[in-house]
């Protein structure tokens, strides 16, 4: 199948959706399917080979923003439009991506969902013109539902099947300013009816988004996310000397529960049953996250524990894998209903057992992998209890990690994900009426 994957770049931040789509495209190519990864807004920041290399960035972030703010830029001369899409300018812009004002994001999200009727219609036509210059895609796959504004024109002008993956949009949409939130959800639900199929990373999130978007159950499939396992050695990590090590590796922010984990760590240390316990914190840390992390450092310093905590922001792939293999247990107690949690699979791939809150997709993941334990959400005490019980039984801890690692290698590789996605793509293509043929004169 000829596949086009459209994926928004996250600028200077690491993004789980970017990792997932990049791994998917690489695996599709390995399976023999021509696939192209098209970045939108900003370049992708990845910790493995970039499958979008050599492909232009469409809906360039600078043009998209200016078209939202001023009618002049919607018909700006081609030379100015192209200048504002220059890769060097987009790379420079990426460092400010996390500083967009909420009111700007709400207004812009609504305009993007309106597609050919929005202020960025020119960007959509540029994308379609480029796609027309290439072999016709059998499937265009959208990285998330916030892109469904492009579906109508893609199907009209290319006659292609459009599939949309669901990747945790709900938390973002519900965080929009109230002035925009309702209309964004209504427009998203309306435009979602035009996509041929939705693919969710968990049954939890598929059911949740189907209800909120008014999708019939038969229009939603579930395919667990997978990761590139290259560099993850099979088998357990070497036995460590010293006390146990607890870890966290995802974006360093409140939403991912880092402050809850720090409080649980403090509680375990205060109880005295694991006096040598250390905490290692890794993952993305952008300018908007730094004040939050600084406050956690102050909290640890006040308890005399800062010296027992390592902060390791923005590691590359090799550094991430080494970080994970240095751990005895992992937890990222996200506060919201996580659609999947790629970091759970990454920890298990390293043979590290996890402790996660009993909500979102976590129960599904731990049932499918046997790689961890659940605790009550939002409670540092419950998290401390679960972590302490696990770490006080090292043999059991290693056994759970080994079970999770085996399950990930069997069922959560990028290749397994790609094979299941191809089945969904073929189903969606087969269910669509064939494009109408021109009538001979």
Protein backbone atom coordinates (compact mmCIF):
# COMPACT_ATOMS: atom_id res chain seq x y z
CA UNK A 1 0.00 0.00 0.00
CA UNK A 2 1.11 3.55 -0.70
CA UNK A 3 0.74 5.42 2.60
CA UNK A 4 1.13 9.07 3.59
CA UNK A 5 1.45 9.84 7.30
CA UNK A 6 0.74 13.45 8.38
CA UNK A 7 2.34 14.29 11.73
CA UNK A 8 2.60 17.65 13.54
CA UNK A 9 6.07 18.50 14.77
CA UNK A 10 6.48 19.58 18.37
CA UNK A 11 9.30 22.03 17.83
CA UNK A 12 12.09 21.80 20.37
CA UNK A 13 10.27 19.27 22.54
CA UNK A 14 10.32 15.50 22.36
CA UNK A 15 6.84 14.22 21.54
CA UNK A 16 5.51 10.71 22.07
CA UNK A 17 3.23 10.98 19.02
CA UNK A 18 6.19 11.94 16.84
CA UNK A 19 8.17 8.95 18.14
CA UNK A 20 5.25 6.64 17.47
CA UNK A 21 4.58 7.90 13.92
CA UNK A 22 8.27 7.86 13.04
CA UNK A 23 8.58 4.26 14.24
CA UNK A 24 5.40 3.33 12.36
CA UNK A 25 6.65 4.71 9.04
CA UNK A 26 10.03 2.99 9.45
CA UNK A 27 8.29 -0.34 10.16
CA UNK A 28 5.86 0.09 7.23
CA UNK A 29 8.83 0.55 4.92
CA UNK A 30 10.49 -2.54 6.33
CA UNK A 31 7.31 -4.47 5.56
CA UNK A 32 7.56 -3.35 1.94
CA UNK A 33 4.93 -0.59 1.91
CA UNK A 34 5.90 2.75 0.35
CA UNK A 35 5.31 5.25 3.13
CA UNK A 36 6.16 8.91 3.49
CA UNK A 37 6.15 10.88 6.75
CA UNK A 38 5.04 14.49 6.19
CA UNK A 39 5.77 16.93 9.05
CA UNK A 40 3.31 19.71 9.75
CA UNK A 41 3.83 23.07 11.51
CA UNK A 42 7.41 22.46 12.68
CA UNK A 43 10.20 19.92 12.11
CA UNK A 44 10.07 16.72 14.14
CA UNK A 45 12.45 16.30 17.07
CA UNK A 46 13.35 12.62 17.43
CA UNK A 47 15.84 10.38 19.19
CA UNK A 48 16.19 7.96 16.25
CA UNK A 49 16.60 8.33 12.45
CA UNK A 50 14.10 10.84 11.07
CA UNK A 51 11.82 9.17 8.52
CA UNK A 52 10.64 12.62 7.34
CA UNK A 53 14.13 13.66 6.20
CA UNK A 54 13.94 15.38 2.81
CA UNK A 55 10.19 15.98 3.01
CA UNK A 56 9.00 19.61 3.19
CA UNK A 57 7.20 20.90 6.27
CA UNK A 58 3.63 21.84 5.36
CA UNK A 59 1.35 24.22 7.26
CA UNK A 60 4.56 25.97 8.35
CA UNK A 61 4.10 27.30 11.86
CA UNK A 62 4.97 30.92 11.04
CA UNK A 63 2.58 31.15 8.09
CA UNK A 64 -0.19 29.36 9.99
CA UNK A 65 0.08 31.83 12.87
CA UNK A 66 0.26 34.94 10.70
CA UNK A 67 -2.64 33.79 8.52
CA UNK A 68 -4.68 33.49 11.67
CA UNK A 69 -3.82 36.99 12.78
CA UNK A 70 -3.87 39.04 9.56
CA UNK A 71 -5.88 38.71 6.33
CA UNK A 72 -2.92 40.06 4.34
CA UNK A 73 -0.85 36.96 4.97
CA UNK A 74 -3.58 34.68 3.58
CA UNK A 75 -2.80 36.04 0.12
CA UNK A 76 0.83 37.07 0.66
CA UNK A 77 3.16 36.88 -2.35
CA UNK A 78 4.60 33.42 -2.97
CA UNK A 79 8.14 34.63 -2.27
CA UNK A 80 7.13 35.87 1.20
CA UNK A 81 5.13 32.72 1.93
CA UNK A 82 8.09 30.54 0.95
CA UNK A 83 10.51 32.68 2.95
CA UNK A 84 8.41 32.20 6.08
CA UNK A 85 8.43 28.44 5.47
CA UNK A 86 12.22 28.24 5.30
CA UNK A 87 13.58 25.33 7.40
CA UNK A 88 16.04 27.58 9.23
CA UNK A 89 13.24 29.92 10.30
CA UNK A 90 11.05 27.02 11.42
CA UNK A 91 13.94 25.56 13.44
CA UNK A 92 14.43 28.93 15.12
CA UNK A 93 10.68 29.26 15.76
CA UNK A 94 10.56 25.80 17.34
CA UNK A 95 12.23 27.03 20.52
CA UNK A 96 9.21 29.26 21.22
CA UNK A 97 6.54 26.67 20.42
CA UNK A 98 5.73 26.01 24.08
CA UNK A 99 5.00 29.69 24.75
CA UNK A 100 1.87 30.14 22.62
CA UNK A 101 -0.97 31.86 24.52
CA UNK A 102 -4.03 29.68 25.28
CA UNK A 103 -6.40 32.12 23.60
CA UNK A 104 -4.33 31.96 20.42
CA UNK A 105 -4.32 28.16 20.52
CA UNK A 106 -8.13 27.96 20.83
CA UNK A 107 -8.79 30.30 17.95
CA UNK A 108 -6.18 28.60 15.79
CA UNK A 109 -7.44 25.09 16.61
CA UNK A 110 -10.93 26.05 15.46
CA UNK A 111 -9.65 27.56 12.23
CA UNK A 112 -7.59 24.44 11.45
CA UNK A 113 -10.61 22.20 12.06
CA UNK A 114 -12.55 24.25 9.53
CA UNK A 115 -10.09 23.12 6.85
CA UNK A 116 -10.84 24.67 3.46
CA UNK A 117 -13.10 27.20 5.22
CA UNK A 118 -10.43 28.22 7.73
CA UNK A 119 -7.76 30.90 7.53
CA UNK A 120 -5.14 28.28 6.59
CA UNK A 121 -6.90 27.10 3.39
CA UNK A 122 -3.85 28.12 1.35
CA UNK A 123 -1.67 25.75 3.35
CA UNK A 124 -4.08 22.90 2.68
CA UNK A 125 -3.99 23.55 -1.06
CA UNK A 126 -0.18 23.56 -1.02
CA UNK A 127 -0.19 20.17 0.70
CA UNK A 128 -2.69 18.74 -1.80
CA UNK A 129 -0.73 20.10 -4.76
CA UNK A 130 2.41 18.38 -3.47
CA UNK A 131 0.57 15.11 -2.91
CA UNK A 132 -0.82 15.30 -6.45
CA UNK A 133 2.75 15.50 -7.77
CA UNK A 134 3.46 12.07 -6.25
CA UNK A 135 1.93 8.61 -6.73
CA UNK A 136 -1.64 8.64 -5.49
CA UNK A 137 -1.77 7.42 -1.87
CA UNK A 138 -4.01 4.48 -1.03
CA UNK A 139 -4.31 5.86 2.50
CA UNK A 140 -3.57 9.17 4.16
CA UNK A 141 -3.16 8.63 7.90
CA UNK A 142 -3.65 11.58 10.26
CA UNK A 143 -1.63 11.53 13.46
CA UNK A 144 -4.47 12.87 15.61
CA UNK A 145 -8.04 14.05 15.41
CA UNK A 146 -7.07 17.72 15.46
CA UNK A 147 -6.16 17.29 11.77
CA UNK A 148 -9.60 16.16 10.55
CA UNK A 149 -10.20 19.55 8.97
CA UNK A 150 -8.14 18.36 5.98
CA UNK A 151 -10.21 15.20 5.36
CA UNK A 152 -12.88 16.71 3.10
CA UNK A 153 -10.46 18.17 0.56
CA UNK A 154 -8.09 15.19 0.63
CA UNK A 155 -10.95 12.87 -0.29
CA UNK A 156 -12.45 15.29 -2.84
CA UNK A 157 -9.23 16.10 -4.69
CA UNK A 158 -7.23 12.88 -4.27
CA UNK A 159 -10.02 10.31 -4.03
CA UNK A 160 -8.08 8.61 -1.24
CA UNK A 161 -9.02 6.85 1.98
CA UNK A 162 -8.34 8.89 5.11
CA UNK A 163 -7.71 7.16 8.44
CA UNK A 164 -7.19 9.04 11.70
CA UNK A 165 -5.39 7.78 14.77
CA UNK A 166 -6.46 8.96 18.21
CA UNK A 167 -3.56 9.93 20.46
CA UNK A 168 -4.69 11.68 23.63
CA UNK A 169 -6.47 14.72 22.19
CA UNK A 170 -9.07 14.91 24.95
CA UNK A 171 -6.83 16.41 27.64
CA UNK A 172 -5.60 19.11 25.24
CA UNK A 173 -9.10 19.96 24.02
CA UNK A 174 -10.51 20.18 27.52
CA UNK A 175 -7.69 22.56 28.49
CA UNK A 176 -8.66 25.13 25.84
CA UNK A 177 -10.17 28.41 27.05
CA UNK A 178 -13.89 28.14 27.67
CA UNK A 179 -14.58 30.72 24.98
CA UNK A 180 -13.34 28.28 22.33
CA UNK A 181 -13.68 24.83 23.90
CA UNK A 182 -17.31 24.09 23.06
CA UNK A 183 -17.11 25.23 19.45
CA UNK A 184 -13.85 23.32 18.90
CA UNK A 185 -15.44 20.10 20.19
CA UNK A 186 -18.57 20.65 18.04
CA UNK A 187 -16.54 21.30 14.90
CA UNK A 188 -14.28 18.34 15.59
CA UNK A 189 -17.30 16.04 15.99
CA UNK A 190 -18.80 17.32 12.72
CA UNK A 191 -15.60 16.93 10.69
CA UNK A 192 -14.80 13.55 12.27
CA UNK A 193 -17.79 12.04 10.45
CA UNK A 194 -15.90 12.48 7.17
CA UNK A 195 -12.92 10.23 8.04
CA UNK A 196 -13.15 6.60 6.90
CA UNK A 197 -11.82 4.97 10.07
CA UNK A 198 -10.37 5.85 13.48
CA UNK A 199 -7.65 3.85 15.19
CA UNK A 200 -7.25 4.23 18.96
CA UNK A 201 -4.24 3.08 21.00
CA UNK A 202 -6.44 1.55 23.72
CA UNK A 203 -10.02 0.40 24.14
CA UNK A 204 -10.41 2.93 26.96
CA UNK A 205 -9.58 5.87 24.71
CA UNK A 206 -11.38 4.53 21.66
CA UNK A 207 -14.63 4.20 23.61
CA UNK A 208 -14.17 7.59 25.23
CA UNK A 209 -13.54 9.50 22.01
CA UNK A 210 -16.26 7.60 20.13
CA UNK A 211 -18.75 8.80 22.74
CA UNK A 212 -17.54 12.40 22.65
CA UNK A 213 -17.41 12.59 18.86
CA UNK A 214 -20.59 10.65 18.18
CA UNK A 215 -18.78 7.88 16.27
CA UNK A 216 -20.42 4.53 15.69
CA UNK A 217 -18.45 1.70 17.38
CA UNK A 218 -17.75 0.01 14.04
CA UNK A 219 -15.81 3.07 12.90
CA UNK A 220 -13.18 2.69 15.63
CA UNK A 221 -10.45 0.05 15.84
CA UNK A 222 -7.82 -0.50 18.55
CA UNK A 223 -4.13 -0.96 17.78
CA UNK A 224 -1.72 -0.76 20.69
CA UNK A 225 1.23 1.54 20.06
CA UNK A 226 4.60 -0.05 19.47
CA UNK A 227 8.20 1.08 19.77
CA UNK A 228 11.46 0.55 17.94
CA UNK A 229 13.21 -2.09 20.05
CA UNK A 230 16.66 -1.52 18.53
CA UNK A 231 19.12 -0.82 21.34
CA UNK A 232 17.04 -2.46 24.07
CA UNK A 233 19.08 -5.52 25.08
CA UNK A 234 17.00 -8.63 25.78
CA UNK A 235 17.09 -9.97 29.30
CA UNK A 236 17.42 -8.18 32.64
CA UNK A 237 19.86 -5.40 33.41
CA UNK A 238 23.01 -6.35 35.31
CA UNK A 239 22.57 -6.54 39.08
CA UNK A 240 23.16 -3.14 40.66
CA UNK A 241 25.14 -2.28 43.73
CA UNK A 242 23.73 0.05 46.36
CA UNK A 243 20.11 0.82 47.09
CA UNK A 244 17.16 0.51 44.68
CA UNK A 245 16.52 3.17 42.05
CA UNK A 246 13.07 4.53 41.19
CA UNK A 247 12.59 6.33 37.91
CA UNK A 248 10.36 8.62 35.84
CA UNK A 249 10.82 9.25 32.13
CA UNK A 250 8.37 11.40 30.18
CA UNK A 251 7.72 15.14 29.99
CA UNK A 252 8.63 16.74 33.33
CA UNK A 253 5.29 18.34 34.09
CA UNK A 254 2.43 18.25 36.58
CA UNK A 255 0.08 16.52 34.13
CA UNK A 256 2.36 13.47 34.02
CA UNK A 257 2.33 13.29 37.83
CA UNK A 258 5.94 14.11 38.54
CA UNK A 259 5.06 16.03 41.70
CA UNK A 260 2.98 13.06 42.91
CA UNK A 261 5.95 10.76 42.38
CA UNK A 262 8.28 13.13 44.24
CA UNK A 263 5.87 13.19 47.19
CA UNK A 264 5.66 9.37 47.15
CA UNK A 265 9.47 9.16 47.07
CA UNK A 266 9.70 11.47 50.09
CA UNK A 267 7.14 9.33 51.96
CA UNK A 268 9.03 6.10 51.27
CA UNK A 269 12.29 7.63 52.43
CA UNK A 270 10.65 8.96 55.60
CA UNK A 271 9.30 5.51 56.47
CA UNK A 272 12.86 4.17 56.63
CA UNK A 273 12.31 0.69 55.16
CA UNK A 274 14.22 1.61 51.97
CA UNK A 275 16.85 4.03 53.30
CA UNK A 276 19.03 3.80 50.21
CA UNK A 277 16.27 4.51 47.67
CA UNK A 278 17.22 6.98 44.94
CA UNK A 279 15.03 8.76 42.41
CA UNK A 280 16.03 9.46 38.80
CA UNK A 281 13.93 11.87 36.73
CA UNK A 282 14.34 11.99 32.95
CA UNK A 283 12.40 13.14 29.91
CA UNK A 284 11.55 16.32 28.09
CA UNK A 285 11.95 19.59 29.93
CA UNK A 286 11.14 22.71 27.93
CA UNK A 287 11.18 26.36 29.01
CA UNK A 288 7.60 26.10 30.24
CA UNK A 289 8.47 23.16 32.51
CA UNK A 290 11.55 24.63 34.17
CA UNK A 291 9.75 26.61 36.95
CA UNK A 292 7.81 23.46 37.94
CA UNK A 293 11.00 21.40 38.09
CA UNK A 294 12.76 24.14 40.08
CA UNK A 295 9.94 24.05 42.67
CA UNK A 296 10.37 20.27 43.01
CA UNK A 297 14.10 20.75 43.56
CA UNK A 298 13.31 23.24 46.33
CA UNK A 299 10.90 20.75 47.92
CA UNK A 300 13.53 17.99 47.87
CA UNK A 301 16.21 20.34 49.19
CA UNK A 302 14.00 21.31 52.10
CA UNK A 303 13.63 17.61 53.01
CA UNK A 304 17.37 16.99 52.72
CA UNK A 305 16.86 14.61 49.77
CA UNK A 306 18.01 16.61 46.75
CA UNK A 307 21.33 14.78 46.77
CA UNK A 308 19.47 11.48 46.29
CA UNK A 309 17.67 12.64 43.14
CA UNK A 310 19.11 12.94 39.63
CA UNK A 311 17.46 15.14 37.00
CA UNK A 312 18.40 14.09 33.45
CA UNK A 313 16.47 16.23 30.93
CA UNK A 314 16.31 15.78 27.16
CA UNK A 315 18.45 12.65 26.79
CA UNK A 316 19.12 11.15 23.37
CA UNK A 317 18.00 7.62 22.53
CA UNK A 318 21.10 5.85 23.84
CA UNK A 319 20.94 7.95 27.00
CA UNK A 320 17.25 7.12 27.47
CA UNK A 321 17.80 3.38 27.19
CA UNK A 322 20.77 3.50 29.58
CA UNK A 323 18.67 5.60 31.97
CA UNK A 324 15.81 3.09 31.94
CA UNK A 325 18.12 0.10 32.44
CA UNK A 326 19.57 1.79 35.52
CA UNK A 327 16.19 1.57 37.29
CA UNK A 328 14.62 -1.02 39.57
CA UNK A 329 11.08 0.36 39.24
CA UNK A 330 9.32 3.00 37.16
CA UNK A 331 6.29 5.23 37.65
CA UNK A 332 4.76 8.15 35.75
CA UNK A 333 1.48 8.64 37.65
CA UNK A 334 -0.32 10.81 35.09
CA UNK A 335 -3.21 12.79 36.54
CA UNK A 336 -5.54 12.42 33.56
CA UNK A 337 -6.92 9.47 31.58
CA UNK A 338 -3.86 8.70 29.49
CA UNK A 339 -4.75 7.33 26.04
CA UNK A 340 -1.78 4.96 26.09
CA UNK A 341 1.46 5.97 27.80
CA UNK A 342 4.36 5.08 25.49
CA UNK A 343 6.74 5.53 28.43
CA UNK A 344 5.24 2.45 30.11
CA UNK A 345 6.21 0.29 27.12
CA UNK A 346 9.68 1.85 27.00
CA UNK A 347 10.27 1.02 30.68
CA UNK A 348 9.04 -2.53 30.22
CA UNK A 349 11.24 -2.95 27.13
CA UNK A 350 14.17 -2.27 29.45
CA UNK A 351 12.91 -4.96 31.86
CA UNK A 352 11.76 -2.45 34.49
CA UNK A 353 8.45 -3.11 36.32
CA UNK A 354 6.02 -0.21 36.54
CA UNK A 355 3.53 1.12 39.07
CA UNK A 356 0.75 3.20 37.52
CA UNK A 357 -2.59 4.68 38.66
CA UNK A 358 -5.70 2.63 38.06
CA UNK A 359 -7.22 4.78 35.32
CA UNK A 360 -6.93 5.57 31.62
CA UNK A 361 -5.22 2.95 29.49
CA UNK A 362 -2.92 1.72 32.27
CA UNK A 363 -5.12 -1.20 33.40
CA UNK A 364 -5.27 -2.43 29.78
CA UNK A 365 -1.50 -2.16 29.33
CA UNK A 366 -0.65 -3.95 32.55
CA UNK A 367 -3.20 -6.67 31.88
CA UNK A 368 -1.70 -7.18 28.40
CA UNK A 369 1.91 -7.22 29.63
CA UNK A 370 1.85 -8.44 33.24
CA UNK A 371 4.59 -5.91 33.79
CA UNK A 372 3.49 -3.97 36.83
CA UNK A 373 1.06 -3.02 39.54
CA UNK A 374 -1.82 -0.55 39.81
CA UNK A 375 -2.62 1.86 42.64
CA UNK A 376 -5.32 4.37 43.43
CA UNK A 377 -4.91 7.51 41.30
CA UNK A 378 -4.02 10.92 42.70
CA UNK A 379 -2.70 9.60 46.02
CA UNK A 380 1.01 9.90 46.91
CA UNK A 381 0.33 7.58 49.88
CA UNK A 382 -1.15 4.83 47.69
CA UNK A 383 1.70 5.20 45.21
CA UNK A 384 4.27 5.05 48.02
CA UNK A 385 2.65 1.87 49.39
CA UNK A 386 2.69 0.14 45.99
CA UNK A 387 6.28 1.15 45.21
CA UNK A 388 7.52 0.15 48.64
CA UNK A 389 5.84 -3.28 48.45
CA UNK A 390 7.38 -3.91 45.05
CA UNK A 391 10.90 -2.75 45.88
CA UNK A 392 11.04 -4.65 49.18
CA UNK A 393 10.80 -7.90 47.19
CA UNK A 394 13.69 -7.67 44.67
CA UNK A 395 13.15 -11.16 43.24
CA UNK A 396 9.47 -10.48 42.57
CA UNK A 397 10.36 -7.07 41.18
CA UNK A 398 12.75 -8.61 38.64
CA UNK A 399 10.24 -11.32 37.69
CA UNK A 400 7.52 -8.78 36.94
CA UNK A 401 9.97 -6.73 34.87
CA UNK A 402 11.01 -9.82 32.91
CA UNK A 403 7.38 -10.73 32.18
CA UNK A 404 6.69 -7.22 30.94
CA UNK A 405 9.81 -7.22 28.79
CA UNK A 406 8.84 -10.51 27.11
CA UNK A 407 5.34 -9.23 26.39
CA UNK A 408 6.65 -6.01 24.84
CA UNK A 409 9.10 -7.86 22.61
CA UNK A 410 6.29 -10.18 21.45
CA UNK A 411 3.42 -7.73 21.00
CA UNK A 412 4.49 -4.09 21.28
CA UNK A 413 7.22 -3.73 18.68
CA UNK A 414 6.92 -1.17 15.89
CA UNK A 415 6.67 -4.09 13.44
CA UNK A 416 3.68 -5.57 15.30
CA UNK A 417 2.01 -2.16 15.34
CA UNK A 418 2.64 -1.66 11.62
CA UNK A 419 1.21 -5.08 10.71
CA UNK A 420 -1.99 -4.34 12.61
CA UNK A 421 -2.23 -0.86 11.11
CA UNK A 422 -1.96 -2.33 7.60
CA UNK A 423 -4.90 -4.62 8.39
CA UNK A 424 -6.94 -1.57 9.42
CA UNK A 425 -5.86 0.38 6.31
CA UNK A 426 -6.86 -2.50 4.05
CA UNK A 427 -10.22 -2.74 5.78
CA UNK A 428 -10.83 0.99 5.36
CA UNK A 429 -9.84 0.94 1.68
CA UNK A 430 -12.04 -2.09 1.03
CA UNK A 431 -15.03 -0.46 2.70
CA UNK A 432 -14.85 2.72 0.60
CA UNK A 433 -16.69 2.99 -2.71
CA UNK A 434 -14.27 3.06 -5.63
CA UNK A 435 -13.57 6.58 -6.95
CA UNK A 436 -15.89 7.54 -9.80
CA UNK A 437 -14.33 7.18 -13.26
CA UNK A 438 -14.69 9.97 -15.82
CA UNK A 439 -17.46 9.34 -18.34
CA UNK A 440 -16.18 9.08 -21.91
CA UNK A 441 -17.32 11.90 -24.16
